[in-house]
Structure formats: structure tokens, C-alpha cells
PDB file of all heavy atoms in Angstrom:
ATOM      1  N   ARG A   1      25.351  -4.330  -8.833  1.00  0.00           N
ATOM      2  CA  ARG A   1      25.755  -4.603  -7.383  1.00  0.00           C
ATOM      3  C   ARG A   1      26.409  -3.294  -6.768  1.00  0.00           C
ATOM      4  O   ARG A   1      27.220  -3.433  -5.832  1.00  0.00           O
ATOM      5  CB  ARG A   1      26.793  -5.798  -7.229  1.00  0.00           C
ATOM      6  CG  ARG A   1      26.002  -7.081  -7.698  1.00  0.00           C
ATOM      7  CD  ARG A   1      25.037  -7.625  -6.742  1.00  0.00           C
ATOM      8  NE  ARG A   1      24.587  -8.934  -6.966  1.00  0.00           N
ATOM      9  CZ  ARG A   1      23.592  -9.318  -7.497  1.00  0.00           C
ATOM     10  NH1 ARG A   1      22.743  -8.481  -8.186  1.00  0.00           N
ATOM     11  NH2 ARG A   1      23.311 -10.601  -7.747  1.00  0.00           N
ATOM     12  N   MET A   2      26.030  -2.186  -7.231  1.00  0.00           N
ATOM     13  CA  MET A   2      26.607  -0.965  -6.842  1.00  0.00           C
ATOM     14  C   MET A   2      25.845  -0.427  -5.545  1.00  0.00           C
ATOM     15  O   MET A   2      24.624  -0.506  -5.426  1.00  0.00           O
ATOM     16  CB  MET A   2      26.459   0.210  -7.845  1.00  0.00           C
ATOM     17  CG  MET A   2      27.096   1.446  -7.398  1.00  0.00           C
ATOM     18  SD  MET A   2      28.930   1.441  -7.151  1.00  0.00           S
ATOM     19  CE  MET A   2      29.576   1.200  -8.791  1.00  0.00           C
ATOM     20  N   VAL A   3      26.671  -0.016  -4.461  1.00  0.00           N
ATOM     21  CA  VAL A   3      26.062   0.385  -3.251  1.00  0.00           C
ATOM     22  C   VAL A   3      26.710   1.789  -2.930  1.00  0.00           C
ATOM     23  O   VAL A   3      27.959   1.948  -2.750  1.00  0.00           O
ATOM     24  CB  VAL A   3      26.316  -0.613  -2.176  1.00  0.00           C
ATOM     25  CG1 VAL A   3      25.744  -0.094  -0.819  1.00  0.00           C
ATOM     26  CG2 VAL A   3      25.717  -1.870  -2.512  1.00  0.00           C
ATOM     27  N   THR A   4      25.882   2.813  -2.874  1.00  0.00           N
ATOM     28  CA  THR A   4      26.252   4.147  -2.454  1.00  0.00           C
ATOM     29  C   THR A   4      25.219   4.719  -1.485  1.00  0.00           C
ATOM     30  O   THR A   4      24.224   3.971  -1.255  1.00  0.00           O
ATOM     31  CB  THR A   4      26.377   5.165  -3.725  1.00  0.00           C
ATOM     32  OG1 THR A   4      25.015   5.360  -4.113  1.00  0.00           O
ATOM     33  CG2 THR A   4      27.231   4.597  -4.751  1.00  0.00           C
ATOM     34  N   PRO A   5      25.508   5.807  -0.794  1.00  0.00           N
ATOM     35  CA  PRO A   5      24.428   6.338   0.066  1.00  0.00           C
ATOM     36  C   PRO A   5      23.006   6.427  -0.565  1.00  0.00           C
ATOM     37  O   PRO A   5      22.077   6.403   0.046  1.00  0.00           O
ATOM     38  CB  PRO A   5      24.990   7.653   0.471  1.00  0.00           C
ATOM     39  CG  PRO A   5      26.436   7.438   0.468  1.00  0.00           C
ATOM     40  CD  PRO A   5      26.713   6.628  -0.732  1.00  0.00           C
ATOM     41  N   ALA A   6      22.980   6.737  -1.900  1.00  0.00           N
ATOM     42  CA  ALA A   6      21.757   6.822  -2.615  1.00  0.00           C
ATOM     43  C   ALA A   6      21.024   5.523  -2.565  1.00  0.00           C
ATOM     44  O   ALA A   6      19.710   5.491  -2.734  1.00  0.00           O
ATOM     45  CB  ALA A   6      22.019   7.243  -4.008  1.00  0.00           C
ATOM     46  N   PHE A   7      21.573   4.371  -2.260  1.00  0.00           N
ATOM     47  CA  PHE A   7      20.932   3.159  -2.026  1.00  0.00           C
ATOM     48  C   PHE A   7      19.972   3.252  -0.810  1.00  0.00           C
ATOM     49  O   PHE A   7      18.835   2.930  -0.936  1.00  0.00           O
ATOM     50  CB  PHE A   7      22.054   2.081  -1.694  1.00  0.00           C
ATOM     51  CG  PHE A   7      21.518   0.592  -1.514  1.00  0.00           C
ATOM     52  CD1 PHE A   7      21.814  -0.257  -2.588  1.00  0.00           C
ATOM     53  CD2 PHE A   7      20.856   0.152  -0.554  1.00  0.00           C
ATOM     54  CE1 PHE A   7      21.499  -1.489  -2.503  1.00  0.00           C
ATOM     55  CE2 PHE A   7      20.502  -1.089  -0.324  1.00  0.00           C
ATOM     56  CZ  PHE A   7      20.814  -2.005  -1.341  1.00  0.00           C
ATOM     57  N   ASP A   8      20.483   3.767   0.354  1.00  0.00           N
ATOM     58  CA  ASP A   8      19.721   3.982   1.414  1.00  0.00           C
ATOM     59  C   ASP A   8      18.565   5.031   1.207  1.00  0.00           C
ATOM     60  O   ASP A   8      17.432   4.840   1.756  1.00  0.00           O
ATOM     61  CB  ASP A   8      20.549   4.426   2.660  1.00  0.00           C
ATOM     62  CG  ASP A   8      21.403   3.414   3.246  1.00  0.00           C
ATOM     63  OD1 ASP A   8      21.222   2.103   2.953  1.00  0.00           O
ATOM     64  OD2 ASP A   8      22.273   3.691   3.996  1.00  0.00           O
ATOM     65  N   VAL A   9      18.894   5.972   0.441  1.00  0.00           N
ATOM     66  CA  VAL A   9      17.804   6.989   0.047  1.00  0.00           C
ATOM     67  C   VAL A   9      16.595   6.316  -0.571  1.00  0.00           C
ATOM     68  O   VAL A   9      15.507   6.604  -0.254  1.00  0.00           O
ATOM     69  CB  VAL A   9      18.422   8.147  -0.760  1.00  0.00           C
ATOM     70  CG1 VAL A   9      17.293   8.975  -1.433  1.00  0.00           C
ATOM     71  CG2 VAL A   9      19.373   9.000   0.029  1.00  0.00           C
ATOM     72  N   TYR A  10      16.863   5.521  -1.581  1.00  0.00           N
ATOM     73  CA  TYR A  10      15.801   4.783  -2.383  1.00  0.00           C
ATOM     74  C   TYR A  10      15.025   4.013  -1.267  1.00  0.00           C
ATOM     75  O   TYR A  10      13.731   4.028  -1.358  1.00  0.00           O
ATOM     76  CB  TYR A  10      16.440   3.869  -3.373  1.00  0.00           C
ATOM     77  CG  TYR A  10      15.491   3.172  -4.196  1.00  0.00           C
ATOM     78  CD1 TYR A  10      14.904   3.855  -5.381  1.00  0.00           C
ATOM     79  CD2 TYR A  10      15.059   1.825  -4.000  1.00  0.00           C
ATOM     80  CE1 TYR A  10      14.060   3.140  -6.240  1.00  0.00           C
ATOM     81  CE2 TYR A  10      14.204   1.175  -4.920  1.00  0.00           C
ATOM     82  CZ  TYR A  10      13.681   1.797  -5.957  1.00  0.00           C
ATOM     83  OH  TYR A  10      12.843   1.239  -6.866  1.00  0.00           O
ATOM     84  N   GLN A  11      15.601   3.253  -0.473  1.00  0.00           N
ATOM     85  CA  GLN A  11      14.889   2.451   0.511  1.00  0.00           C
ATOM     86  C   GLN A  11      14.103   3.260   1.494  1.00  0.00           C
ATOM     87  O   GLN A  11      12.911   2.872   1.773  1.00  0.00           O
ATOM     88  CB  GLN A  11      15.834   1.567   1.322  1.00  0.00           C
ATOM     89  CG  GLN A  11      16.595   0.475   0.500  1.00  0.00           C
ATOM     90  CD  GLN A  11      17.525  -0.473   1.237  1.00  0.00           C
ATOM     91  OE1 GLN A  11      18.220   0.012   2.024  1.00  0.00           O
ATOM     92  NE2 GLN A  11      17.357  -1.758   0.865  1.00  0.00           N
ATOM     93  N   MET A  12      14.557   4.350   1.885  1.00  0.00           N
ATOM     94  CA  MET A  12      13.870   5.253   2.801  1.00  0.00           C
ATOM     95  C   MET A  12      12.614   5.822   1.949  1.00  0.00           C
ATOM     96  O   MET A  12      11.663   6.124   2.604  1.00  0.00           O
ATOM     97  CB  MET A  12      14.721   6.320   3.422  1.00  0.00           C
ATOM     98  CG  MET A  12      15.730   5.684   4.427  1.00  0.00           C
ATOM     99  SD  MET A  12      14.983   4.920   5.804  1.00  0.00           S
ATOM    100  CE  MET A  12      14.636   6.262   6.937  1.00  0.00           C
ATOM    101  N   GLY A  13      12.796   6.090   0.755  1.00  0.00           N
ATOM    102  CA  GLY A  13      11.711   6.675  -0.096  1.00  0.00           C
ATOM    103  C   GLY A  13      10.628   5.625  -0.215  1.00  0.00           C
ATOM    104  O   GLY A  13       9.454   5.995  -0.132  1.00  0.00           O
ATOM    105  N   LEU A  14      11.025   4.351  -0.328  1.00  0.00           N
ATOM    106  CA  LEU A  14      10.005   3.260  -0.389  1.00  0.00           C
ATOM    107  C   LEU A  14       9.224   3.244   0.866  1.00  0.00           C
ATOM    108  O   LEU A  14       7.993   3.129   0.980  1.00  0.00           O
ATOM    109  CB  LEU A  14      10.698   1.923  -0.632  1.00  0.00           C
ATOM    110  CG  LEU A  14      11.229   1.699  -2.097  1.00  0.00           C
ATOM    111  CD1 LEU A  14      12.042   0.470  -2.122  1.00  0.00           C
ATOM    112  CD2 LEU A  14      10.148   1.597  -3.148  1.00  0.00           C
ATOM    113  N   ILE A  15       9.967   3.221   2.061  1.00  0.00           N
ATOM    114  CA  ILE A  15       9.340   3.130   3.297  1.00  0.00           C
ATOM    115  C   ILE A  15       8.522   4.367   3.618  1.00  0.00           C
ATOM    116  O   ILE A  15       7.327   4.243   4.082  1.00  0.00           O
ATOM    117  CB  ILE A  15      10.509   3.099   4.442  1.00  0.00           C
ATOM    118  CG1 ILE A  15      11.212   1.736   4.203  1.00  0.00           C
ATOM    119  CG2 ILE A  15       9.869   3.187   5.812  1.00  0.00           C
ATOM    120  CD1 ILE A  15      12.479   1.646   5.122  1.00  0.00           C
ATOM    121  N   LEU A  16       8.953   5.595   3.303  1.00  0.00           N
ATOM    122  CA  LEU A  16       8.059   6.735   3.539  1.00  0.00           C
ATOM    123  C   LEU A  16       6.797   6.659   2.704  1.00  0.00           C
ATOM    124  O   LEU A  16       5.678   7.031   3.292  1.00  0.00           O
ATOM    125  CB  LEU A  16       8.851   7.991   3.169  1.00  0.00           C
ATOM    126  CG  LEU A  16       7.978   9.265   3.350  1.00  0.00           C
ATOM    127  CD1 LEU A  16       7.512   9.519   4.755  1.00  0.00           C
ATOM    128  CD2 LEU A  16       8.973  10.600   3.025  1.00  0.00           C
ATOM    129  N   THR A  17       6.870   6.203   1.507  1.00  0.00           N
ATOM    130  CA  THR A  17       5.657   6.030   0.688  1.00  0.00           C
ATOM    131  C   THR A  17       4.756   5.034   1.328  1.00  0.00           C
ATOM    132  O   THR A  17       3.518   5.335   1.335  1.00  0.00           O
ATOM    133  CB  THR A  17       6.083   5.767  -0.802  1.00  0.00           C
ATOM    134  OG1 THR A  17       6.904   6.783  -1.235  1.00  0.00           O
ATOM    135  CG2 THR A  17       4.801   5.625  -1.633  1.00  0.00           C
ATOM    136  N   GLU A  18       5.344   3.987   1.708  1.00  0.00           N
ATOM    137  CA  GLU A  18       4.529   3.020   2.525  1.00  0.00           C
ATOM    138  C   GLU A  18       3.827   3.558   3.670  1.00  0.00           C
ATOM    139  O   GLU A  18       2.717   3.176   4.024  1.00  0.00           O
ATOM    140  CB  GLU A  18       5.398   1.785   2.723  1.00  0.00           C
ATOM    141  CG  GLU A  18       4.652   0.572   3.359  1.00  0.00           C
ATOM    142  CD  GLU A  18       5.560  -0.720   3.506  1.00  0.00           C
ATOM    143  OE1 GLU A  18       6.521  -0.842   2.709  1.00  0.00           O
ATOM    144  OE2 GLU A  18       5.156  -1.474   4.406  1.00  0.00           O
ATOM    145  N   MET A  19       4.584   4.317   4.505  1.00  0.00           N
ATOM    146  CA  MET A  19       4.047   4.973   5.727  1.00  0.00           C
ATOM    147  C   MET A  19       2.795   5.808   5.284  1.00  0.00           C
ATOM    148  O   MET A  19       1.842   5.880   6.061  1.00  0.00           O
ATOM    149  CB  MET A  19       5.008   5.745   6.465  1.00  0.00           C
ATOM    150  CG  MET A  19       6.125   4.885   7.071  1.00  0.00           C
ATOM    151  SD  MET A  19       7.556   5.852   7.602  1.00  0.00           S
ATOM    152  CE  MET A  19       6.809   6.797   9.015  1.00  0.00           C
ATOM    153  N   LEU A  20       2.935   6.568   4.194  1.00  0.00           N
ATOM    154  CA  LEU A  20       1.876   7.436   3.827  1.00  0.00           C
ATOM    155  C   LEU A  20       0.625   6.738   3.200  1.00  0.00           C
ATOM    156  O   LEU A  20      -0.516   7.343   3.288  1.00  0.00           O
ATOM    157  CB  LEU A  20       2.367   8.454   2.754  1.00  0.00           C
ATOM    158  CG  LEU A  20       3.442   9.454   3.281  1.00  0.00           C
ATOM    159  CD1 LEU A  20       3.989  10.228   2.089  1.00  0.00           C
ATOM    160  CD2 LEU A  20       2.819  10.432   4.313  1.00  0.00           C
ATOM    161  N   THR A  21       0.825   5.585   2.598  1.00  0.00           N
ATOM    162  CA  THR A  21      -0.166   4.821   1.953  1.00  0.00           C
ATOM    163  C   THR A  21      -0.763   3.622   2.732  1.00  0.00           C
ATOM    164  O   THR A  21      -1.813   3.169   2.472  1.00  0.00           O
ATOM    165  CB  THR A  21       0.320   4.424   0.534  1.00  0.00           C
ATOM    166  OG1 THR A  21       1.286   3.430   0.634  1.00  0.00           O
ATOM    167  CG2 THR A  21       0.669   5.623  -0.335  1.00  0.00           C
ATOM    168  N   GLY A  22       0.092   3.071   3.547  1.00  0.00           N
ATOM    169  CA  GLY A  22      -0.340   1.876   4.268  1.00  0.00           C
ATOM    170  C   GLY A  22      -0.167   0.552   3.309  1.00  0.00           C
ATOM    171  O   GLY A  22      -0.624  -0.434   3.593  1.00  0.00           O
ATOM    172  N   THR A  23       0.668   0.819   2.219  1.00  0.00           N
ATOM    173  CA  THR A  23       0.787  -0.317   1.287  1.00  0.00           C
ATOM    174  C   THR A  23       2.194  -0.393   0.766  1.00  0.00           C
ATOM    175  O   THR A  23       2.828   0.581   0.450  1.00  0.00           O
ATOM    176  CB  THR A  23      -0.190  -0.040  -0.059  1.00  0.00           C
ATOM    177  OG1 THR A  23      -1.489   0.221   0.375  1.00  0.00           O
ATOM    178  CG2 THR A  23      -0.073  -1.141  -1.031  1.00  0.00           C
ATOM    179  N   THR A  24       2.664  -1.631   0.696  1.00  0.00           N
ATOM    180  CA  THR A  24       4.091  -1.928   0.237  1.00  0.00           C
ATOM    181  C   THR A  24       3.933  -1.610  -1.316  1.00  0.00           C
ATOM    182  O   THR A  24       3.113  -2.120  -1.932  1.00  0.00           O
ATOM    183  CB  THR A  24       4.469  -3.371   0.423  1.00  0.00           C
ATOM    184  OG1 THR A  24       4.383  -3.558   1.889  1.00  0.00           O
ATOM    185  CG2 THR A  24       5.824  -3.549   0.017  1.00  0.00           C
ATOM    186  N   LEU A  25       4.888  -0.858  -1.835  1.00  0.00           N
ATOM    187  CA  LEU A  25       4.889  -0.513  -3.194  1.00  0.00           C
ATOM    188  C   LEU A  25       5.127  -1.630  -4.173  1.00  0.00           C
ATOM    189  O   LEU A  25       4.574  -1.811  -5.156  1.00  0.00           O
ATOM    190  CB  LEU A  25       5.854   0.641  -3.558  1.00  0.00           C
ATOM    191  CG  LEU A  25       5.445   1.958  -3.018  1.00  0.00           C
ATOM    192  CD1 LEU A  25       6.544   3.015  -3.437  1.00  0.00           C
ATOM    193  CD2 LEU A  25       4.158   2.370  -3.570  1.00  0.00           C
ATOM    194  N   VAL A  26       6.075  -2.578  -3.723  1.00  0.00           N
ATOM    195  CA  VAL A  26       6.452  -3.717  -4.466  1.00  0.00           C
ATOM    196  C   VAL A  26       6.019  -4.957  -3.670  1.00  0.00           C
ATOM    197  O   VAL A  26       6.799  -5.403  -2.747  1.00  0.00           O
ATOM    198  CB  VAL A  26       7.831  -3.774  -4.893  1.00  0.00           C
ATOM    199  CG1 VAL A  26       8.206  -5.031  -5.650  1.00  0.00           C
ATOM    200  CG2 VAL A  26       8.240  -2.517  -5.623  1.00  0.00           C
ATOM    201  N   ALA A  27       4.893  -5.588  -3.876  1.00  0.00           N
ATOM    202  CA  ALA A  27       4.336  -6.610  -3.106  1.00  0.00           C
ATOM    203  C   ALA A  27       4.176  -7.855  -4.070  1.00  0.00           C
ATOM    204  O   ALA A  27       2.981  -8.282  -4.318  1.00  0.00           O
ATOM    205  CB  ALA A  27       3.093  -6.279  -2.484  1.00  0.00           C
TER     206      ALA A  27
END
């Protein structure tokens, strides 16, 4: 349940990858 700014980085990495591929990585 740890939340640091790296939390948002991970989520933005998921979103950027999804933007590049058109696919949700964890579906």
C-alpha cells in the first residue's frame, strides 16, 4: 500500500505503452 511519485510514473508508463500499441497491457 506504498504510494510515492514513482506510483504515477508506473501508471504513465502503462498509458504511454497503451498509446503506442492501441492495447491495454493488463486486460
